[in-house]
């Protein structure tokens, strides 16, 4: 693995582990993103566990490709949630501006995780 890909992989792993842990520390923040028909606490903790496990998977060379693929699908799954947030009167992320900025970031994460899954 070249240095560029190695550092990006480690950065993404740390980001995902941190984000996953935050689901347990600040669940109320994430609950705003979860649609009302889904049990919030269960979905929140499940997402946190998945994010932590995928982040750890990126740190283990023999699991990096599988973790990258899992993260790719997770980022695709989260995309509609973030798009819907843009159209809310009070976006869960905090403001319309942040909700709009988050969309291209989500596409960057989708591309990044696709690249890692190869």
PDB file of N, CA and C in Angstrom:
ATOM      1  N   UNK A   1       0.860  -1.179   0.000  1.00  0.00           N
ATOM      2  CA  UNK A   1       0.000   0.000   0.000  1.00  0.00           C
ATOM      3  C   UNK A   1       0.902   1.237   0.000  1.00  0.00           C
ATOM      4  N   UNK A   2       0.618   2.182  -0.894  1.00  0.00           N
ATOM      5  CA  UNK A   2       1.434   3.394  -0.922  1.00  0.00           C
ATOM      6  C   UNK A   2       1.127   4.280   0.293  1.00  0.00           C
ATOM      7  N   UNK A   3       2.011   5.229   0.544  1.00  0.00           N
ATOM      8  CA  UNK A   3       1.876   6.086   1.734  1.00  0.00           C
ATOM      9  C   UNK A   3       0.580   6.882   1.720  1.00  0.00           C
ATOM     10  N   UNK A   4       0.206   7.388   0.561  1.00  0.00           N
ATOM     11  CA  UNK A   4      -1.017   8.179   0.415  1.00  0.00           C
ATOM     12  C   UNK A   4      -2.228   7.376   0.868  1.00  0.00           C
ATOM     13  N   UNK A   5      -2.367   6.184   0.328  1.00  0.00           N
ATOM     14  CA  UNK A   5      -3.514   5.335   0.663  1.00  0.00           C
ATOM     15  C   UNK A   5      -3.451   4.896   2.128  1.00  0.00           C
ATOM     16  N   UNK A   6      -2.250   4.619   2.613  1.00  0.00           N
ATOM     17  CA  UNK A   6      -2.089   4.194   4.009  1.00  0.00           C
ATOM     18  C   UNK A   6      -2.589   5.271   4.971  1.00  0.00           C
ATOM     19  N   UNK A   7      -2.146   6.518   4.769  1.00  0.00           N
ATOM     20  CA  UNK A   7      -2.546   7.601   5.671  1.00  0.00           C
ATOM     21  C   UNK A   7      -4.038   7.911   5.568  1.00  0.00           C
ATOM     22  N   UNK A   8      -4.582   7.873   4.374  1.00  0.00           N
ATOM     23  CA  UNK A   8      -6.017   8.095   4.218  1.00  0.00           C
ATOM     24  C   UNK A   8      -6.823   6.987   4.893  1.00  0.00           C
ATOM     25  N   UNK A   9      -6.329   5.770   4.790  1.00  0.00           N
ATOM     26  CA  UNK A   9      -7.004   4.644   5.434  1.00  0.00           C
ATOM     27  C   UNK A   9      -6.975   4.799   6.947  1.00  0.00           C
ATOM     28  N   UNK A  10      -5.830   5.164   7.494  1.00  0.00           N
ATOM     29  CA  UNK A  10      -5.720   5.346   8.947  1.00  0.00           C
ATOM     30  C   UNK A  10      -6.591   6.513   9.418  1.00  0.00           C
ATOM     31  N   UNK A  11      -6.621   7.580   8.650  1.00  0.00           N
ATOM     32  CA  UNK A  11      -7.455   8.732   8.999  1.00  0.00           C
ATOM     33  C   UNK A  11      -8.932   8.342   9.003  1.00  0.00           C
ATOM     34  N   UNK A  12      -9.360   7.610   7.989  1.00  0.00           N
ATOM     35  CA  UNK A  12     -10.746   7.171   7.924  1.00  0.00           C
ATOM     36  C   UNK A  12     -11.069   6.212   9.077  1.00  0.00           C
ATOM     37  N   UNK A  13     -10.140   5.326   9.405  1.00  0.00           N
ATOM     38  CA  UNK A  13     -10.355   4.383  10.510  1.00  0.00           C
ATOM     39  C   UNK A  13     -10.574   5.135  11.817  1.00  0.00           C
ATOM     40  N   UNK A  14      -9.713   6.100  12.103  1.00  0.00           N
ATOM     41  CA  UNK A  14      -9.838   6.885  13.333  1.00  0.00           C
ATOM     42  C   UNK A  14     -11.148   7.665  13.332  1.00  0.00           C
ATOM     43  N   UNK A  15     -11.486   8.273  12.204  1.00  0.00           N
ATOM     44  CA  UNK A  15     -12.734   9.022  12.077  1.00  0.00           C
ATOM     45  C   UNK A  15     -13.939   8.130  12.364  1.00  0.00           C
ATOM     46  N   UNK A  16     -13.951   6.928  11.775  1.00  0.00           N
ATOM     47  CA  UNK A  16     -15.095   6.028  11.948  1.00  0.00           C
ATOM     48  C   UNK A  16     -15.191   5.501  13.378  1.00  0.00           C
ATOM     49  N   UNK A  17     -14.068   5.176  13.977  1.00  0.00           N
ATOM     50  CA  UNK A  17     -14.087   4.702  15.365  1.00  0.00           C
ATOM     51  C   UNK A  17     -14.597   5.818  16.271  1.00  0.00           C
ATOM     52  N   UNK A  18     -14.109   7.030  16.058  1.00  0.00           N
ATOM     53  CA  UNK A  18     -14.562   8.173  16.853  1.00  0.00           C
ATOM     54  C   UNK A  18     -16.059   8.405  16.661  1.00  0.00           C
ATOM     55  N   UNK A  19     -16.515   8.403  15.407  1.00  0.00           N
ATOM     56  CA  UNK A  19     -17.945   8.618  15.122  1.00  0.00           C
ATOM     57  C   UNK A  19     -18.784   7.523  15.771  1.00  0.00           C
ATOM     58  N   UNK A  20     -18.316   6.290  15.704  1.00  0.00           N
ATOM     59  CA  UNK A  20     -19.050   5.184  16.312  1.00  0.00           C
ATOM     60  C   UNK A  20     -19.158   5.326  17.820  1.00  0.00           C
ATOM     61  N   UNK A  21     -18.081   5.720  18.448  1.00  0.00           N
ATOM     62  CA  UNK A  21     -18.091   5.919  19.907  1.00  0.00           C
ATOM     63  C   UNK A  21     -19.036   7.053  20.287  1.00  0.00           C
ATOM     64  N   UNK A  22     -19.084   8.082  19.453  1.00  0.00           N
ATOM     65  CA  UNK A  22     -19.961   9.219  19.740  1.00  0.00           C
ATOM     66  C   UNK A  22     -21.435   8.823  19.738  1.00  0.00           C
ATOM     67  N   UNK A  23     -21.800   7.758  19.035  1.00  0.00           N
ATOM     68  CA  UNK A  23     -23.183   7.272  19.068  1.00  0.00           C
ATOM     69  C   UNK A  23     -23.581   6.857  20.489  1.00  0.00           C
ATOM     70  N   UNK A  24     -22.616   6.439  21.285  1.00  0.00           N
ATOM     71  CA  UNK A  24     -22.882   6.029  22.665  1.00  0.00           C
ATOM     72  C   UNK A  24     -22.755   7.191  23.638  1.00  0.00           C
ATOM     73  N   UNK A  25     -21.873   8.129  23.334  1.00  0.00           N
ATOM     74  CA  UNK A  25     -21.642   9.272  24.228  1.00  0.00           C
ATOM     75  C   UNK A  25     -22.724  10.338  24.062  1.00  0.00           C
ATOM     76  N   UNK A  26     -23.120  10.600  22.817  1.00  0.00           N
ATOM     77  CA  UNK A  26     -24.114  11.642  22.524  1.00  0.00           C
ATOM     78  C   UNK A  26     -25.230  11.096  21.633  1.00  0.00           C
ATOM     79  N   UNK A  27     -25.966  10.108  22.124  1.00  0.00           N
ATOM     80  CA  UNK A  27     -27.006   9.508  21.276  1.00  0.00           C
ATOM     81  C   UNK A  27     -28.100  10.483  20.863  1.00  0.00           C
ATOM     82  N   UNK A  28     -28.383  11.480  21.681  1.00  0.00           N
ATOM     83  CA  UNK A  28     -29.447  12.428  21.339  1.00  0.00           C
ATOM     84  C   UNK A  28     -29.128  13.204  20.060  1.00  0.00           C
ATOM     85  N   UNK A  29     -27.853  13.478  19.827  1.00  0.00           N
ATOM     86  CA  UNK A  29     -27.461  14.175  18.599  1.00  0.00           C
ATOM     87  C   UNK A  29     -27.833  13.332  17.379  1.00  0.00           C
ATOM     88  N   UNK A  30     -27.513  12.061  17.407  1.00  0.00           N
ATOM     89  CA  UNK A  30     -27.763  11.170  16.275  1.00  0.00           C
ATOM     90  C   UNK A  30     -29.235  10.822  16.122  1.00  0.00           C
ATOM     91  N   UNK A  31     -29.974  10.836  17.215  1.00  0.00           N
ATOM     92  CA  UNK A  31     -31.400  10.491  17.152  1.00  0.00           C
ATOM     93  C   UNK A  31     -32.171  11.389  16.199  1.00  0.00           C
ATOM     94  N   UNK A  32     -31.728  12.636  16.042  1.00  0.00           N
ATOM     95  CA  UNK A  32     -32.414  13.571  15.156  1.00  0.00           C
ATOM     96  C   UNK A  32     -32.348  13.140  13.691  1.00  0.00           C
ATOM     97  N   UNK A  33     -31.352  12.325  13.342  1.00  0.00           N
ATOM     98  CA  UNK A  33     -31.196  11.873  11.966  1.00  0.00           C
ATOM     99  C   UNK A  33     -32.034  10.632  11.666  1.00  0.00           C
ATOM    100  N   UNK A  34     -32.411   9.907  12.680  1.00  0.00           N
ATOM    101  CA  UNK A  34     -33.096   8.622  12.506  1.00  0.00           C
ATOM    102  C   UNK A  34     -34.583   8.874  12.262  1.00  0.00           C
ATOM    103  N   UNK A  35     -35.121   8.328  11.158  1.00  0.00           N
ATOM    104  CA  UNK A  35     -36.556   8.512  10.882  1.00  0.00           C
ATOM    105  C   UNK A  35     -37.411   7.985  12.044  1.00  0.00           C
ATOM    106  N   UNK A  36     -38.569   8.605  12.234  1.00  0.00           N
ATOM    107  CA  UNK A  36     -39.438   8.284  13.374  1.00  0.00           C
ATOM    108  C   UNK A  36     -39.941   6.844  13.391  1.00  0.00           C
ATOM    109  N   UNK A  37     -40.054   6.205  12.244  1.00  0.00           N
ATOM    110  CA  UNK A  37     -40.588   4.836  12.215  1.00  0.00           C
ATOM    111  C   UNK A  37     -39.555   3.772  12.613  1.00  0.00           C
ATOM    112  N   UNK A  38     -38.303   4.202  12.848  1.00  0.00           N
ATOM    113  CA  UNK A  38     -37.241   3.277  13.260  1.00  0.00           C
ATOM    114  C   UNK A  38     -36.975   3.482  14.746  1.00  0.00           C
ATOM    115  N   UNK A  39     -36.833   2.401  15.535  1.00  0.00           N
ATOM    116  CA  UNK A  39     -36.513   2.551  16.962  1.00  0.00           C
ATOM    117  C   UNK A  39     -35.165   3.270  17.130  1.00  0.00           C
ATOM    118  N   UNK A  40     -35.207   4.468  17.674  1.00  0.00           N
ATOM    119  CA  UNK A  40     -34.041   5.345  17.703  1.00  0.00           C
ATOM    120  C   UNK A  40     -32.854   4.773  18.480  1.00  0.00           C
ATOM    121  N   UNK A  41     -33.081   4.318  19.691  1.00  0.00           N
ATOM    122  CA  UNK A  41     -31.974   3.835  20.500  1.00  0.00           C
ATOM    123  C   UNK A  41     -31.300   2.628  19.853  1.00  0.00           C
ATOM    124  N   UNK A  42     -32.097   1.688  19.367  1.00  0.00           N
ATOM    125  CA  UNK A  42     -31.549   0.497  18.719  1.00  0.00           C
ATOM    126  C   UNK A  42     -30.736   0.882  17.483  1.00  0.00           C
ATOM    127  N   UNK A  43     -31.322   1.703  16.610  1.00  0.00           N
ATOM    128  CA  UNK A  43     -30.649   2.106  15.370  1.00  0.00           C
ATOM    129  C   UNK A  43     -29.372   2.884  15.664  1.00  0.00           C
ATOM    130  N   UNK A  44     -29.429   3.740  16.660  1.00  0.00           N
ATOM    131  CA  UNK A  44     -28.284   4.545  17.029  1.00  0.00           C
ATOM    132  C   UNK A  44     -27.128   3.666  17.510  1.00  0.00           C
ATOM    133  N   UNK A  45     -27.406   2.765  18.418  1.00  0.00           N
ATOM    134  CA  UNK A  45     -26.361   1.888  18.947  1.00  0.00           C
ATOM    135  C   UNK A  45     -25.854   0.924  17.879  1.00  0.00           C
ATOM    136  N   UNK A  46     -26.753   0.432  17.040  1.00  0.00           N
ATOM    137  CA  UNK A  46     -26.342  -0.465  15.967  1.00  0.00           C
ATOM    138  C   UNK A  46     -25.386   0.254  15.006  1.00  0.00           C
ATOM    139  N   UNK A  47     -25.728   1.477  14.629  1.00  0.00           N
ATOM    140  CA  UNK A  47     -24.848   2.261  13.745  1.00  0.00           C
ATOM    141  C   UNK A  47     -23.502   2.490  14.418  1.00  0.00           C
ATOM    142  N   UNK A  48     -23.506   2.793  15.710  1.00  0.00           N
ATOM    143  CA  UNK A  48     -22.254   3.005  16.437  1.00  0.00           C
ATOM    144  C   UNK A  48     -21.387   1.762  16.449  1.00  0.00           C
ATOM    145  N   UNK A  49     -21.987   0.618  16.707  1.00  0.00           N
ATOM    146  CA  UNK A  49     -21.239  -0.648  16.724  1.00  0.00           C
ATOM    147  C   UNK A  49     -20.657  -0.932  15.339  1.00  0.00           C
ATOM    148  N   UNK A  50     -21.479  -0.755  14.310  1.00  0.00           N
ATOM    149  CA  UNK A  50     -21.019  -1.011  12.934  1.00  0.00           C
ATOM    150  C   UNK A  50     -19.863  -0.087  12.580  1.00  0.00           C
ATOM    151  N   UNK A  51     -19.977   1.191  12.916  1.00  0.00           N
ATOM    152  CA  UNK A  51     -18.916   2.146  12.591  1.00  0.00           C
ATOM    153  C   UNK A  51     -17.619   1.800  13.305  1.00  0.00           C
ATOM    154  N   UNK A  52     -17.698   1.436  14.578  1.00  0.00           N
ATOM    155  CA  UNK A  52     -16.488   1.064  15.326  1.00  0.00           C
ATOM    156  C   UNK A  52     -15.857  -0.190  14.716  1.00  0.00           C
ATOM    157  N   UNK A  53     -16.670  -1.199  14.437  1.00  0.00           N
ATOM    158  CA  UNK A  53     -16.131  -2.444  13.878  1.00  0.00           C
ATOM    159  C   UNK A  53     -15.502  -2.228  12.498  1.00  0.00           C
ATOM    160  N   UNK A  54     -16.148  -1.425  11.667  1.00  0.00           N
ATOM    161  CA  UNK A  54     -15.577  -1.153  10.345  1.00  0.00           C
ATOM    162  C   UNK A  54     -14.283  -0.345  10.465  1.00  0.00           C
ATOM    163  N   UNK A  55     -14.253   0.607  11.389  1.00  0.00           N
ATOM    164  CA  UNK A  55     -13.027   1.374  11.615  1.00  0.00           C
ATOM    165  C   UNK A  55     -11.886   0.484  12.082  1.00  0.00           C
ATOM    166  N   UNK A  56     -12.173  -0.424  12.993  1.00  0.00           N
ATOM    167  CA  UNK A  56     -11.151  -1.373  13.454  1.00  0.00           C
ATOM    168  C   UNK A  56     -10.716  -2.268  12.297  1.00  0.00           C
ATOM    169  N   UNK A  57     -11.684  -2.686  11.473  1.00  0.00           N
ATOM    170  CA  UNK A  57     -11.357  -3.513  10.311  1.00  0.00           C
ATOM    171  C   UNK A  57     -10.368  -2.837   9.380  1.00  0.00           C
ATOM    172  N   UNK A  58     -10.461  -1.522   9.244  1.00  0.00           N
ATOM    173  CA  UNK A  58      -9.505  -0.796   8.393  1.00  0.00           C
ATOM    174  C   UNK A  58      -8.089  -0.822   8.955  1.00  0.00           C
ATOM    175  N   UNK A  59      -7.959  -1.009  10.249  1.00  0.00           N
ATOM    176  CA  UNK A  59      -6.637  -1.035  10.883  1.00  0.00           C
ATOM    177  C   UNK A  59      -5.938  -2.389  10.736  1.00  0.00           C
ATOM    178  N   UNK A  60      -6.687  -3.402  10.349  1.00  0.00           N
ATOM    179  CA  UNK A  60      -6.146  -4.755  10.228  1.00  0.00           C
ATOM    180  C   UNK A  60      -6.017  -5.084   8.738  1.00  0.00           C
ATOM    181  N   UNK A  61      -4.774  -5.177   8.230  1.00  0.00           N
ATOM    182  CA  UNK A  61      -4.559  -5.315   6.787  1.00  0.00           C
ATOM    183  C   UNK A  61      -5.418  -6.378   6.103  1.00  0.00           C
ATOM    184  N   UNK A  62      -5.571  -7.553   6.699  1.00  0.00           N
ATOM    185  CA  UNK A  62      -6.333  -8.603   6.017  1.00  0.00           C
ATOM    186  C   UNK A  62      -7.832  -8.317   5.987  1.00  0.00           C
ATOM    187  N   UNK A  63      -8.309  -7.313   6.724  1.00  0.00           N
ATOM    188  CA  UNK A  63      -9.733  -6.962   6.730  1.00  0.00           C
ATOM    189  C   UNK A  63     -10.027  -5.616   6.068  1.00  0.00           C
ATOM    190  N   UNK A  64      -8.993  -4.925   5.610  1.00  0.00           N
ATOM    191  CA  UNK A  64      -9.185  -3.581   5.059  1.00  0.00           C
ATOM    192  C   UNK A  64     -10.137  -3.550   3.877  1.00  0.00           C
ATOM    193  N   UNK A  65      -9.980  -4.472   2.949  1.00  0.00           N
ATOM    194  CA  UNK A  65     -10.839  -4.460   1.763  1.00  0.00           C
ATOM    195  C   UNK A  65     -12.297  -4.728   2.147  1.00  0.00           C
ATOM    196  N   UNK A  66     -12.523  -5.686   3.020  1.00  0.00           N
ATOM    197  CA  UNK A  66     -13.888  -6.004   3.458  1.00  0.00           C
ATOM    198  C   UNK A  66     -14.481  -4.831   4.250  1.00  0.00           C
ATOM    199  N   UNK A  67     -13.677  -4.216   5.119  1.00  0.00           N
ATOM    200  CA  UNK A  67     -14.156  -3.066   5.887  1.00  0.00           C
ATOM    201  C   UNK A  67     -14.455  -1.893   4.958  1.00  0.00           C
ATOM    202  N   UNK A  68     -13.613  -1.688   3.963  1.00  0.00           N
ATOM    203  CA  UNK A  68     -13.862  -0.623   2.982  1.00  0.00           C
ATOM    204  C   UNK A  68     -15.169  -0.835   2.248  1.00  0.00           C
ATOM    205  N   UNK A  69     -15.442  -2.081   1.883  1.00  0.00           N
ATOM    206  CA  UNK A  69     -16.700  -2.393   1.197  1.00  0.00           C
ATOM    207  C   UNK A  69     -17.891  -2.161   2.127  1.00  0.00           C
ATOM    208  N   UNK A  70     -17.754  -2.570   3.379  1.00  0.00           N
ATOM    209  CA  UNK A  70     -18.826  -2.337   4.350  1.00  0.00           C
ATOM    210  C   UNK A  70     -19.075  -0.857   4.561  1.00  0.00           C
ATOM    211  N   UNK A  71     -17.993  -0.080   4.626  1.00  0.00           N
ATOM    212  CA  UNK A  71     -18.142   1.368   4.802  1.00  0.00           C
ATOM    213  C   UNK A  71     -18.771   2.008   3.572  1.00  0.00           C
ATOM    214  N   UNK A  72     -18.421   1.505   2.399  1.00  0.00           N
ATOM    215  CA  UNK A  72     -19.028   2.015   1.171  1.00  0.00           C
ATOM    216  C   UNK A  72     -20.548   1.861   1.233  1.00  0.00           C
ATOM    217  N   UNK A  73     -21.013   0.679   1.595  1.00  0.00           N
ATOM    218  CA  UNK A  73     -22.456   0.449   1.676  1.00  0.00           C
ATOM    219  C   UNK A  73     -23.096   1.254   2.803  1.00  0.00           C
ATOM    220  N   UNK A  74     -22.390   1.424   3.894  1.00  0.00           N
ATOM    221  CA  UNK A  74     -22.908   2.234   5.003  1.00  0.00           C
ATOM    222  C   UNK A  74     -23.055   3.698   4.564  1.00  0.00           C
ATOM    223  N   UNK A  75     -22.060   4.227   3.844  1.00  0.00           N
ATOM    224  CA  UNK A  75     -22.128   5.613   3.365  1.00  0.00           C
ATOM    225  C   UNK A  75     -23.272   5.782   2.357  1.00  0.00           C
ATOM    226  N   UNK A  76     -23.483   4.770   1.509  1.00  0.00           N
ATOM    227  CA  UNK A  76     -24.626   4.823   0.580  1.00  0.00           C
ATOM    228  C   UNK A  76     -25.948   4.811   1.346  1.00  0.00           C
ATOM    229  N   UNK A  77     -26.021   4.001   2.387  1.00  0.00           N
ATOM    230  CA  UNK A  77     -27.221   3.909   3.202  1.00  0.00           C
ATOM    231  C   UNK A  77     -27.519   5.237   3.896  1.00  0.00           C
ATOM    232  N   UNK A  78     -26.478   5.935   4.358  1.00  0.00           N
ATOM    233  CA  UNK A  78     -26.655   7.204   5.059  1.00  0.00           C
ATOM    234  C   UNK A  78     -26.969   8.367   4.121  1.00  0.00           C
ATOM    235  N   UNK A  79     -26.632   8.251   2.838  1.00  0.00           N
ATOM    236  CA  UNK A  79     -26.818   9.363   1.895  1.00  0.00           C
ATOM    237  C   UNK A  79     -28.246   9.900   1.866  1.00  0.00           C
ATOM    238  N   UNK A  80     -29.283   9.071   1.719  1.00  0.00           N
ATOM    239  CA  UNK A  80     -30.644   9.635   1.694  1.00  0.00           C
ATOM    240  C   UNK A  80     -31.019  10.353   2.990  1.00  0.00           C
ATOM    241  N   UNK A  81     -30.509   9.877   4.104  1.00  0.00           N
ATOM    242  CA  UNK A  81     -30.783  10.535   5.392  1.00  0.00           C
ATOM    243  C   UNK A  81     -30.220  11.953   5.381  1.00  0.00           C
ATOM    244  N   UNK A  82     -29.013  12.106   4.830  1.00  0.00           N
ATOM    245  CA  UNK A  82     -28.384  13.425   4.779  1.00  0.00           C
ATOM    246  C   UNK A  82     -29.063  14.329   3.747  1.00  0.00           C
ATOM    247  N   UNK A  83     -29.503  13.745   2.640  1.00  0.00           N
ATOM    248  CA  UNK A  83     -30.224  14.540   1.628  1.00  0.00           C
ATOM    249  C   UNK A  83     -31.545  15.035   2.214  1.00  0.00           C
ATOM    250  N   UNK A  84     -32.283  14.168   2.892  1.00  0.00           N
ATOM    251  CA  UNK A  84     -33.546  14.580   3.517  1.00  0.00           C
ATOM    252  C   UNK A  84     -33.327  15.685   4.540  1.00  0.00           C
ATOM    253  N   UNK A  85     -32.197  15.655   5.220  1.00  0.00           N
ATOM    254  CA  UNK A  85     -31.899  16.669   6.231  1.00  0.00           C
ATOM    255  C   UNK A  85     -31.834  18.064   5.619  1.00  0.00           C
ATOM    256  N   UNK A  86     -31.370  18.159   4.382  1.00  0.00           N
ATOM    257  CA  UNK A  86     -31.274  19.451   3.695  1.00  0.00           C
ATOM    258  C   UNK A  86     -32.651  20.108   3.586  1.00  0.00           C
ATOM    259  N   UNK A  87     -33.691  19.292   3.415  1.00  0.00           N
ATOM    260  CA  UNK A  87     -35.034  19.822   3.160  1.00  0.00           C
ATOM    261  C   UNK A  87     -35.861  20.036   4.426  1.00  0.00           C
ATOM    262  N   UNK A  88     -35.291  19.722   5.582  1.00  0.00           N
ATOM    263  CA  UNK A  88     -36.015  19.962   6.828  1.00  0.00           C
ATOM    264  C   UNK A  88     -35.970  21.444   7.182  1.00  0.00           C
ATOM    265  N   UNK A  89     -37.014  21.896   7.848  1.00  0.00           N
ATOM    266  CA  UNK A  89     -37.037  23.293   8.303  1.00  0.00           C
ATOM    267  C   UNK A  89     -35.872  23.557   9.260  1.00  0.00           C
ATOM    268  N   UNK A  90     -35.657  22.617  10.183  1.00  0.00           N
ATOM    269  CA  UNK A  90     -34.519  22.695  11.106  1.00  0.00           C
ATOM    270  C   UNK A  90     -33.690  21.426  10.924  1.00  0.00           C
ATOM    271  N   UNK A  91     -32.655  21.485  10.086  1.00  0.00           N
ATOM    272  CA  UNK A  91     -31.842  20.298   9.837  1.00  0.00           C
ATOM    273  C   UNK A  91     -31.217  19.741  11.129  1.00  0.00           C
ATOM    274  N   UNK A  92     -31.128  18.425  11.184  1.00  0.00           N
ATOM    275  CA  UNK A  92     -30.566  17.761  12.358  1.00  0.00           C
ATOM    276  C   UNK A  92     -29.101  18.123  12.566  1.00  0.00           C
ATOM    277  N   UNK A  93     -28.396  18.417  11.490  1.00  0.00           N
ATOM    278  CA  UNK A  93     -26.980  18.755  11.584  1.00  0.00           C
ATOM    279  C   UNK A  93     -26.765  20.131  12.214  1.00  0.00           C
ATOM    280  N   UNK A  94     -27.819  20.956  12.258  1.00  0.00           N
ATOM    281  CA  UNK A  94     -27.705  22.247  12.925  1.00  0.00           C
ATOM    282  C   UNK A  94     -28.133  23.437  12.091  1.00  0.00           C
ATOM    283  N   UNK A  95     -27.795  23.414  10.792  1.00  0.00           N
ATOM    284  CA  UNK A  95     -28.196  24.528   9.929  1.00  0.00           C
ATOM    285  C   UNK A  95     -28.319  24.041   8.490  1.00  0.00           C
ATOM    286  N   UNK A  96     -29.019  24.821   7.685  1.00  0.00           N
ATOM    287  CA  UNK A  96     -29.157  24.499   6.263  1.00  0.00           C
ATOM    288  C   UNK A  96     -27.783  24.461   5.591  1.00  0.00           C
ATOM    289  N   UNK A  97     -26.947  25.436   5.940  1.00  0.00           N
ATOM    290  CA  UNK A  97     -25.618  25.525   5.339  1.00  0.00           C
ATOM    291  C   UNK A  97     -24.809  24.251   5.611  1.00  0.00           C
ATOM    292  N   UNK A  98     -24.793  23.788   6.857  1.00  0.00           N
ATOM    293  CA  UNK A  98     -24.082  22.559   7.194  1.00  0.00           C
ATOM    294  C   UNK A  98     -24.694  21.349   6.501  1.00  0.00           C
ATOM    295  N   UNK A  99     -26.014  21.320   6.408  1.00  0.00           N
ATOM    296  CA  UNK A  99     -26.698  20.204   5.748  1.00  0.00           C
ATOM    297  C   UNK A  99     -26.311  20.139   4.269  1.00  0.00           C
ATOM    298  N   UNK A 100     -26.201  21.306   3.635  1.00  0.00           N
ATOM    299  CA  UNK A 100     -25.813  21.353   2.220  1.00  0.00           C
ATOM    300  C   UNK A 100     -24.346  20.957   2.050  1.00  0.00           C
ATOM    301  N   UNK A 101     -23.489  21.467   2.911  1.00  0.00           N
ATOM    302  CA  UNK A 101     -22.059  21.142   2.847  1.00  0.00           C
ATOM    303  C   UNK A 101     -21.828  19.645   3.055  1.00  0.00           C
ATOM    304  N   UNK A 102     -22.668  19.028   3.857  1.00  0.00           N
ATOM    305  CA  UNK A 102     -22.503  17.615   4.182  1.00  0.00           C
ATOM    306  C   UNK A 102     -22.705  16.710   2.958  1.00  0.00           C
ATOM    307  N   UNK A 103     -23.511  17.122   2.000  1.00  0.00           N
ATOM    308  CA  UNK A 103     -23.796  16.270   0.834  1.00  0.00           C
ATOM    309  C   UNK A 103     -22.526  15.994   0.020  1.00  0.00           C
ATOM    310  N   UNK A 104     -21.766  17.008  -0.395  1.00  0.00           N
ATOM    311  CA  UNK A 104     -20.533  16.685  -1.137  1.00  0.00           C
ATOM    312  C   UNK A 104     -19.533  15.901  -0.283  1.00  0.00           C
ATOM    313  N   UNK A 105     -19.523  16.166   1.026  1.00  0.00           N
ATOM    314  CA  UNK A 105     -18.645  15.392   1.912  1.00  0.00           C
ATOM    315  C   UNK A 105     -19.051  13.922   1.898  1.00  0.00           C
ATOM    316  N   UNK A 106     -20.356  13.664   1.877  1.00  0.00           N
ATOM    317  CA  UNK A 106     -20.840  12.282   1.834  1.00  0.00           C
ATOM    318  C   UNK A 106     -20.386  11.603   0.539  1.00  0.00           C
ATOM    319  N   UNK A 107     -20.424  12.329  -0.576  1.00  0.00           N
ATOM    320  CA  UNK A 107     -19.958  11.753  -1.840  1.00  0.00           C
ATOM    321  C   UNK A 107     -18.449  11.488  -1.812  1.00  0.00           C
ATOM    322  N   UNK A 108     -17.704  12.353  -1.149  1.00  0.00           N
ATOM    323  CA  UNK A 108     -16.260  12.117  -0.991  1.00  0.00           C
ATOM    324  C   UNK A 108     -16.036  10.843  -0.180  1.00  0.00           C
ATOM    325  N   UNK A 109     -16.805  10.678   0.899  1.00  0.00           N
ATOM    326  CA  UNK A 109     -16.686   9.463   1.710  1.00  0.00           C
ATOM    327  C   UNK A 109     -17.084   8.223   0.913  1.00  0.00           C
ATOM    328  N   UNK A 110     -18.103   8.326   0.082  1.00  0.00           N
ATOM    329  CA  UNK A 110     -18.513   7.199  -0.761  1.00  0.00           C
ATOM    330  C   UNK A 110     -17.378   6.833  -1.719  1.00  0.00           C
ATOM    331  N   UNK A 111     -16.803   7.835  -2.368  1.00  0.00           N
ATOM    332  CA  UNK A 111     -15.685   7.573  -3.283  1.00  0.00           C
ATOM    333  C   UNK A 111     -14.504   6.971  -2.532  1.00  0.00           C
ATOM    334  N   UNK A 112     -14.171   7.558  -1.405  1.00  0.00           N
ATOM    335  CA  UNK A 112     -13.031   7.127  -0.606  1.00  0.00           C
ATOM    336  C   UNK A 112     -13.191   5.667  -0.192  1.00  0.00           C
ATOM    337  N   UNK A 113     -14.369   5.313   0.316  1.00  0.00           N
ATOM    338  CA  UNK A 113     -14.591   3.942   0.760  1.00  0.00           C
ATOM    339  C   UNK A 113     -14.645   2.965  -0.421  1.00  0.00           C
ATOM    340  N   UNK A 114     -15.152   3.421  -1.580  1.00  0.00           N
ATOM    341  CA  UNK A 114     -15.131   2.586  -2.789  1.00  0.00           C
ATOM    342  C   UNK A 114     -13.679   2.281  -3.173  1.00  0.00           C
ATOM    343  N   UNK A 115     -12.853   3.297  -3.121  1.00  0.00           N
ATOM    344  CA  UNK A 115     -11.432   3.142  -3.453  1.00  0.00           C
ATOM    345  C   UNK A 115     -10.761   2.142  -2.495  1.00  0.00           C
ATOM    346  N   UNK A 116     -11.121   2.203  -1.225  1.00  0.00           N
ATOM    347  CA  UNK A 116     -10.536   1.273  -0.240  1.00  0.00           C
ATOM    348  C   UNK A 116     -11.026  -0.156  -0.426  1.00  0.00           C
ATOM    349  N   UNK A 117     -12.186  -0.316  -1.019  1.00  0.00           N
ATOM    350  CA  UNK A 117     -12.745  -1.663  -1.150  1.00  0.00           C
ATOM    351  C   UNK A 117     -12.159  -2.421  -2.336  1.00  0.00           C
ATOM    352  N   UNK A 118     -11.366  -1.740  -3.162  1.00  0.00           N
ATOM    353  CA  UNK A 118     -10.772  -2.402  -4.337  1.00  0.00           C
ATOM    354  C   UNK A 118      -9.545  -3.196  -3.940  1.00  0.00           C
TER     355      UNK A 118
END
